[in-house]
Amino acid sequence: MDANLLIERLGHQIESMRKARGLTQLQLAAQSGLTRQKLAEIEKGSPTVSMKFYASALAALGAEISVVPARRPSYEELREVFR
């Protein structure tokens, strides 16, 4: 799996968690010690942002990373996509 795709997915998950908690980018940035611009880069899944910054955002959300094996979609899942 492509590393950039993994980072992009992580950024989108951080954004989803922030929104689910009703926080603005500015509020989460302040809680995590980041600038709003840096948080925006994280949520876009920028591969140039240090993982330390991703970790700061996750810590402020009270979240952690869980590593699971990647899986390929099943035939049924793919069939639904191409209907």
N, C-alpha and C. Protein backbone atom coordinates (compact mmCIF):
# COMPACT_ATOMS: atom_id res chain seq x y z
N MET A 1 0.85 -1.18 0.00
CA MET A 1 0.00 0.00 0.00
C MET A 1 0.89 1.24 0.00
N ASP A 2 0.47 2.24 -0.68
CA ASP A 2 1.22 3.48 -0.83
C ASP A 2 1.26 4.26 0.49
N ALA A 3 2.45 4.68 0.89
CA ALA A 3 2.62 5.42 2.15
C ALA A 3 1.85 6.74 2.14
N ASN A 4 1.82 7.42 1.00
CA ASN A 4 1.09 8.69 0.94
C ASN A 4 -0.41 8.48 1.15
N LEU A 5 -0.93 7.37 0.67
CA LEU A 5 -2.35 7.06 0.88
C LEU A 5 -2.63 6.83 2.36
N LEU A 6 -1.73 6.14 3.03
CA LEU A 6 -1.91 5.91 4.47
C LEU A 6 -1.92 7.22 5.25
N ILE A 7 -1.01 8.12 4.91
CA ILE A 7 -0.95 9.42 5.59
C ILE A 7 -2.20 10.23 5.29
N GLU A 8 -2.68 10.16 4.06
CA GLU A 8 -3.91 10.88 3.69
C GLU A 8 -5.10 10.35 4.49
N ARG A 9 -5.19 9.04 4.62
CA ARG A 9 -6.28 8.44 5.41
C ARG A 9 -6.20 8.89 6.87
N LEU A 10 -5.01 8.93 7.42
CA LEU A 10 -4.83 9.37 8.80
C LEU A 10 -5.29 10.82 8.96
N GLY A 11 -4.93 11.66 8.02
CA GLY A 11 -5.36 13.06 8.06
C GLY A 11 -6.87 13.19 8.02
N HIS A 12 -7.52 12.40 7.17
CA HIS A 12 -8.99 12.45 7.07
C HIS A 12 -9.65 11.93 8.35
N GLN A 13 -9.02 10.94 8.99
CA GLN A 13 -9.57 10.45 10.25
C GLN A 13 -9.45 11.51 11.34
N ILE A 14 -8.35 12.22 11.36
CA ILE A 14 -8.18 13.31 12.34
C ILE A 14 -9.24 14.37 12.10
N GLU A 15 -9.46 14.74 10.85
CA GLU A 15 -10.49 15.73 10.53
C GLU A 15 -11.87 15.25 10.98
N SER A 16 -12.20 14.00 10.70
CA SER A 16 -13.50 13.45 11.09
C SER A 16 -13.69 13.47 12.61
N MET A 17 -12.64 13.10 13.33
CA MET A 17 -12.72 13.11 14.79
C MET A 17 -12.90 14.52 15.32
N ARG A 18 -12.20 15.47 14.72
CA ARG A 18 -12.32 16.87 15.16
C ARG A 18 -13.76 17.35 14.96
N LYS A 19 -14.31 17.07 13.79
CA LYS A 19 -15.67 17.52 13.49
C LYS A 19 -16.69 16.82 14.37
N ALA A 20 -16.48 15.53 14.65
CA ALA A 20 -17.41 14.78 15.51
C ALA A 20 -17.43 15.35 16.92
N ARG A 21 -16.35 15.95 17.33
CA ARG A 21 -16.27 16.56 18.66
C ARG A 21 -16.72 18.03 18.65
N GLY A 22 -17.11 18.51 17.47
CA GLY A 22 -17.61 19.88 17.35
C GLY A 22 -16.53 20.94 17.48
N LEU A 23 -15.29 20.58 17.15
CA LEU A 23 -14.19 21.53 17.25
C LEU A 23 -13.87 22.16 15.91
N THR A 24 -13.47 23.42 15.94
CA THR A 24 -12.96 24.07 14.74
C THR A 24 -11.49 23.73 14.61
N GLN A 25 -10.92 24.00 13.43
CA GLN A 25 -9.48 23.79 13.27
C GLN A 25 -8.70 24.64 14.25
N LEU A 26 -9.15 25.86 14.47
CA LEU A 26 -8.46 26.77 15.38
C LEU A 26 -8.47 26.22 16.81
N GLN A 27 -9.61 25.69 17.24
CA GLN A 27 -9.70 25.15 18.60
C GLN A 27 -8.78 23.94 18.78
N LEU A 28 -8.82 23.00 17.83
CA LEU A 28 -7.96 21.83 17.96
C LEU A 28 -6.49 22.21 17.84
N ALA A 29 -6.19 23.16 16.98
CA ALA A 29 -4.80 23.61 16.85
C ALA A 29 -4.30 24.16 18.18
N ALA A 30 -5.11 24.96 18.84
CA ALA A 30 -4.72 25.53 20.13
C ALA A 30 -4.53 24.44 21.18
N GLN A 31 -5.42 23.46 21.19
CA GLN A 31 -5.33 22.37 22.17
C GLN A 31 -4.11 21.48 21.93
N SER A 32 -3.67 21.39 20.68
CA SER A 32 -2.56 20.50 20.35
C SER A 32 -1.22 21.24 20.22
N GLY A 33 -1.24 22.56 20.38
CA GLY A 33 -0.01 23.33 20.29
C GLY A 33 0.48 23.53 18.86
N LEU A 34 -0.43 23.43 17.90
CA LEU A 34 -0.11 23.61 16.49
C LEU A 34 -0.71 24.91 15.97
N THR A 35 -0.26 25.34 14.81
CA THR A 35 -0.93 26.45 14.14
C THR A 35 -2.12 25.89 13.35
N ARG A 36 -3.08 26.74 13.05
CA ARG A 36 -4.22 26.29 12.26
C ARG A 36 -3.75 25.83 10.89
N GLN A 37 -2.75 26.50 10.33
CA GLN A 37 -2.22 26.13 9.02
C GLN A 37 -1.61 24.73 9.04
N LYS A 38 -0.87 24.41 10.12
CA LYS A 38 -0.26 23.09 10.24
C LYS A 38 -1.35 22.02 10.37
N LEU A 39 -2.39 22.31 11.15
CA LEU A 39 -3.49 21.36 11.30
C LEU A 39 -4.20 21.15 9.97
N ALA A 40 -4.36 22.21 9.19
CA ALA A 40 -4.99 22.07 7.87
C ALA A 40 -4.15 21.15 6.99
N GLU A 41 -2.83 21.26 7.05
CA GLU A 41 -1.95 20.37 6.29
C GLU A 41 -2.10 18.92 6.74
N ILE A 42 -2.21 18.74 8.05
CA ILE A 42 -2.39 17.40 8.60
C ILE A 42 -3.69 16.79 8.09
N GLU A 43 -4.77 17.56 8.14
CA GLU A 43 -6.07 17.05 7.70
C GLU A 43 -6.10 16.75 6.20
N LYS A 44 -5.25 17.40 5.44
CA LYS A 44 -5.14 17.09 4.01
C LYS A 44 -4.29 15.85 3.78
N GLY A 45 -3.58 15.42 4.82
CA GLY A 45 -2.72 14.25 4.69
C GLY A 45 -1.40 14.56 4.03
N SER A 46 -0.84 15.70 4.36
CA SER A 46 0.43 16.11 3.77
C SER A 46 1.56 15.20 4.22
N PRO A 47 2.29 14.61 3.27
CA PRO A 47 3.41 13.74 3.63
C PRO A 47 4.64 14.51 4.09
N THR A 48 4.64 15.83 3.96
CA THR A 48 5.80 16.62 4.36
C THR A 48 5.72 17.06 5.82
N VAL A 49 4.60 16.81 6.48
CA VAL A 49 4.42 17.18 7.88
C VAL A 49 4.98 16.05 8.75
N SER A 50 5.75 16.40 9.75
CA SER A 50 6.34 15.42 10.66
C SER A 50 5.27 14.62 11.38
N MET A 51 5.55 13.34 11.60
CA MET A 51 4.62 12.49 12.34
C MET A 51 4.42 13.00 13.76
N LYS A 52 5.38 13.78 14.27
CA LYS A 52 5.22 14.37 15.61
C LYS A 52 4.00 15.28 15.64
N PHE A 53 3.76 16.01 14.57
CA PHE A 53 2.60 16.90 14.51
C PHE A 53 1.30 16.10 14.42
N TYR A 54 1.32 15.01 13.63
CA TYR A 54 0.15 14.13 13.57
C TYR A 54 -0.14 13.60 14.97
N ALA A 55 0.92 13.18 15.69
CA ALA A 55 0.76 12.64 17.04
C ALA A 55 0.22 13.70 18.00
N SER A 56 0.63 14.94 17.85
CA SER A 56 0.12 16.03 18.70
C SER A 56 -1.37 16.22 18.51
N ALA A 57 -1.83 16.18 17.26
CA ALA A 57 -3.26 16.33 16.98
C ALA A 57 -4.04 15.14 17.55
N LEU A 58 -3.51 13.94 17.37
CA LEU A 58 -4.17 12.75 17.91
C LEU A 58 -4.24 12.80 19.43
N ALA A 59 -3.16 13.21 20.08
CA ALA A 59 -3.14 13.29 21.54
C ALA A 59 -4.18 14.30 22.04
N ALA A 60 -4.31 15.42 21.36
CA ALA A 60 -5.29 16.43 21.76
C ALA A 60 -6.72 15.91 21.60
N LEU A 61 -6.91 14.97 20.67
CA LEU A 61 -8.23 14.36 20.47
C LEU A 61 -8.45 13.17 21.40
N GLY A 62 -7.42 12.82 22.17
CA GLY A 62 -7.53 11.65 23.04
C GLY A 62 -7.58 10.36 22.25
N ALA A 63 -6.84 10.31 21.15
CA ALA A 63 -6.85 9.15 20.26
C ALA A 63 -5.44 8.58 20.13
N GLU A 64 -5.37 7.38 19.62
CA GLU A 64 -4.09 6.77 19.33
C GLU A 64 -4.19 5.99 18.03
N ILE A 65 -3.04 5.60 17.52
CA ILE A 65 -2.99 4.86 16.26
C ILE A 65 -2.98 3.37 16.58
N SER A 66 -3.77 2.63 15.86
CA SER A 66 -3.78 1.19 15.96
C SER A 66 -3.37 0.63 14.60
N VAL A 67 -2.34 -0.18 14.58
CA VAL A 67 -1.82 -0.73 13.33
C VAL A 67 -2.50 -2.06 13.07
N VAL A 68 -3.11 -2.16 11.90
CA VAL A 68 -3.78 -3.40 11.49
C VAL A 68 -3.27 -3.79 10.11
N PRO A 69 -3.27 -5.07 9.80
CA PRO A 69 -2.83 -5.49 8.47
C PRO A 69 -3.76 -4.93 7.39
N ALA A 70 -3.16 -4.53 6.29
CA ALA A 70 -3.97 -4.07 5.17
C ALA A 70 -4.68 -5.27 4.57
N ARG A 71 -5.85 -5.04 4.03
CA ARG A 71 -6.58 -6.13 3.38
C ARG A 71 -7.06 -5.66 2.02
N ARG A 72 -7.21 -6.60 1.17
CA ARG A 72 -7.73 -6.30 -0.16
C ARG A 72 -9.24 -6.47 -0.13
N PRO A 73 -9.95 -5.69 -0.94
CA PRO A 73 -11.42 -5.83 -0.95
C PRO A 73 -11.84 -7.21 -1.47
N SER A 74 -12.95 -7.68 -0.95
CA SER A 74 -13.48 -8.96 -1.41
C SER A 74 -14.13 -8.80 -2.78
N TYR A 75 -14.40 -9.91 -3.40
CA TYR A 75 -15.07 -9.90 -4.71
C TYR A 75 -16.42 -9.18 -4.60
N GLU A 76 -17.17 -9.46 -3.53
CA GLU A 76 -18.48 -8.84 -3.36
C GLU A 76 -18.37 -7.32 -3.21
N GLU A 77 -17.36 -6.87 -2.47
CA GLU A 77 -17.16 -5.44 -2.29
C GLU A 77 -16.83 -4.78 -3.63
N LEU A 78 -16.00 -5.42 -4.42
CA LEU A 78 -15.66 -4.86 -5.73
C LEU A 78 -16.84 -4.89 -6.67
N ARG A 79 -17.62 -5.95 -6.61
CA ARG A 79 -18.80 -6.06 -7.48
C ARG A 79 -19.76 -4.90 -7.22
N GLU A 80 -19.92 -4.52 -5.95
CA GLU A 80 -20.81 -3.40 -5.62
C GLU A 80 -20.30 -2.09 -6.22
N VAL A 81 -18.98 -1.92 -6.27
CA VAL A 81 -18.39 -0.70 -6.81
C VAL A 81 -18.67 -0.58 -8.31
N PHE A 82 -18.64 -1.71 -9.00
CA PHE A 82 -18.74 -1.69 -10.47
C PHE A 82 -20.14 -2.00 -10.98
N ARG A 83 -21.13 -1.90 -10.16
CA ARG A 83 -22.52 -2.11 -10.61
C ARG A 83 -22.98 -1.02 -11.50
